[in-house]
Amino acid sequence: MLTYRDLGVLVAPLLLCGFSLSSASEVGLSGKSLIFPYETDYSYVRLTPQKPLELSAFTLCMRLATELQDDRQIILFAYRTGDFDELNVWREKDGRISFYLSGDGINFNLPPLTTFKTRP
């Protein structure tokens, strides 16, 4: 799999709802926004937990909007452990959404991402 630098992609402006963790508290990312005001080939956000995660379940909710053109790949979400990408969600060049779970991906055809919020 290509790295972020290899692709020169921009993580799209996105709204993260948060994670469901077995030991999660009431404090989280719910209702928070991550907005990149201008396009670069190095913009991304890294969230690092204060203590090791012992996941028994994982839920990812995203509300997305982008002004980026359709003819490029965008990494919408990546969960990495050590030296391996465990979970990746991408928008492919052709507009399909790809879901990679520890290896090969599966593709979905969804309505195109726009500057307007998507519906869950």
Protein backbone atom coordinates (compact mmCIF):
# COMPACT_ATOMS: atom_id res chain seq x y z
CA MET A 1 0.00 0.00 0.00
CA LEU A 2 1.25 3.49 -0.79
CA THR A 3 2.15 5.91 1.97
CA TYR A 4 0.70 9.37 2.41
CA ARG A 5 3.84 10.99 0.97
CA ASP A 6 3.83 8.70 -2.06
CA LEU A 7 0.32 9.78 -2.94
CA GLY A 8 0.67 13.43 -1.99
CA VAL A 9 -2.89 13.38 -0.79
CA LEU A 10 -4.71 15.74 1.47
CA VAL A 11 -6.84 14.43 4.25
CA ALA A 12 -10.15 16.06 3.42
CA PRO A 13 -11.85 18.46 5.77
CA LEU A 14 -13.80 16.13 7.90
CA LEU A 15 -15.89 15.92 10.96
CA LEU A 16 -15.11 13.02 13.23
CA CYS A 17 -17.74 11.70 15.54
CA GLY A 18 -15.41 9.52 17.56
CA PHE A 19 -14.51 6.04 18.64
CA SER A 20 -16.41 3.48 20.70
CA LEU A 21 -13.83 1.91 22.96
CA SER A 22 -14.38 -0.54 25.77
CA SER A 23 -12.80 1.87 28.25
CA ALA A 24 -14.02 5.14 26.70
CA SER A 25 -15.16 7.93 28.96
CA GLU A 26 -17.67 10.69 28.24
CA VAL A 27 -14.87 12.92 26.90
CA GLY A 28 -14.18 12.33 23.22
CA LEU A 29 -14.27 13.71 19.71
CA SER A 30 -18.03 13.82 19.41
CA GLY A 31 -19.12 17.11 17.88
CA LYS A 32 -15.55 18.22 17.13
CA SER A 33 -14.41 19.42 13.69
CA LEU A 34 -11.07 19.16 11.91
CA ILE A 35 -10.84 21.76 9.16
CA PHE A 36 -7.89 22.30 6.85
CA PRO A 37 -8.18 25.90 5.57
CA TYR A 38 -6.09 25.33 2.42
CA GLU A 39 -4.75 22.44 0.36
CA THR A 40 -1.26 21.05 0.97
CA ASP A 41 0.40 17.72 0.26
CA TYR A 42 1.35 17.27 3.92
CA SER A 43 -1.80 18.15 5.92
CA TYR A 44 -3.07 15.43 8.21
CA VAL A 45 -4.11 14.89 11.81
CA ARG A 46 -2.63 12.27 14.10
CA LEU A 47 -4.57 11.32 17.23
CA THR A 48 -2.45 9.58 19.84
CA PRO A 49 -4.10 8.06 22.94
CA GLN A 50 -2.68 8.95 26.34
CA LYS A 51 -2.57 5.26 27.28
CA PRO A 52 -2.48 2.06 25.19
CA LEU A 53 -5.75 1.07 23.58
CA GLU A 54 -7.19 -2.34 24.31
CA LEU A 55 -9.95 -2.43 21.73
CA SER A 56 -12.75 -4.92 22.08
CA ALA A 57 -14.91 -2.97 19.62
CA PHE A 58 -14.35 -0.17 17.17
CA THR A 59 -16.94 2.18 15.67
CA LEU A 60 -16.10 4.90 13.19
CA CYS A 61 -18.63 7.59 12.32
CA MET A 62 -17.70 10.28 9.82
CA ARG A 63 -19.53 13.25 8.39
CA LEU A 64 -17.53 14.43 5.39
CA ALA A 65 -17.27 17.44 3.12
CA THR A 66 -14.56 18.34 0.60
CA GLU A 67 -13.76 20.85 -2.10
CA LEU A 68 -11.07 18.63 -3.63
CA GLN A 69 -11.49 17.50 -7.21
CA ASP A 70 -12.74 14.00 -7.97
CA ASP A 71 -9.63 12.98 -9.95
CA ARG A 72 -7.45 12.24 -6.92
CA GLN A 73 -7.29 9.79 -4.05
CA ILE A 74 -8.09 11.00 -0.54
CA ILE A 75 -7.37 9.11 2.65
CA LEU A 76 -10.49 9.69 4.73
CA PHE A 77 -9.41 7.62 7.72
CA ALA A 78 -6.44 5.46 8.71
CA TYR A 79 -5.91 3.38 11.85
CA ARG A 80 -2.35 2.15 12.18
CA THR A 81 -0.69 -0.15 14.72
CA GLY A 82 3.09 -0.35 14.85
CA ASP A 83 4.21 -0.79 11.26
CA PHE A 84 0.91 -1.93 9.74
CA ASP A 85 -2.22 -0.18 8.48
CA GLU A 86 -5.11 -1.99 10.16
CA LEU A 87 -8.01 0.01 8.74
CA ASN A 88 -8.15 2.52 5.90
CA VAL A 89 -11.06 4.32 4.28
CA TRP A 90 -10.26 6.03 0.96
CA ARG A 91 -12.00 7.95 -1.76
CA GLU A 92 -10.52 6.54 -4.96
CA LYS A 93 -9.77 8.60 -8.10
CA ASP A 94 -12.96 7.33 -9.73
CA GLY A 95 -15.09 8.47 -6.74
CA ARG A 96 -15.64 5.03 -5.18
CA ILE A 97 -15.14 4.61 -1.45
CA SER A 98 -12.72 1.81 -0.52
CA PHE A 99 -12.55 0.04 2.82
CA TYR A 100 -9.31 -1.79 3.65
CA LEU A 101 -9.16 -4.05 6.70
CA SER A 102 -5.67 -5.54 7.18
CA GLY A 103 -5.14 -6.10 3.47
CA ASP A 104 -7.13 -5.98 0.27
CA GLY A 105 -9.99 -3.54 -0.02
CA ILE A 106 -13.62 -3.63 -1.00
CA ASN A 107 -15.25 -0.81 -2.93
CA PHE A 108 -18.57 0.97 -2.54
CA ASN A 109 -20.37 3.34 -4.87
CA LEU A 110 -21.81 6.15 -2.76
CA PRO A 111 -23.09 9.63 -3.63
CA PRO A 112 -20.17 11.97 -4.44
CA LEU A 113 -18.56 13.97 -1.64
CA THR A 114 -19.26 17.69 -1.91
CA THR A 115 -18.78 20.82 0.17
CA PHE A 116 -22.16 20.09 1.73
CA LYS A 117 -22.46 17.64 4.61
CA THR A 118 -23.29 14.05 3.77
CA ARG A 119 -26.18 12.27 5.40
CA PRO A 120 -25.43 9.28 7.64
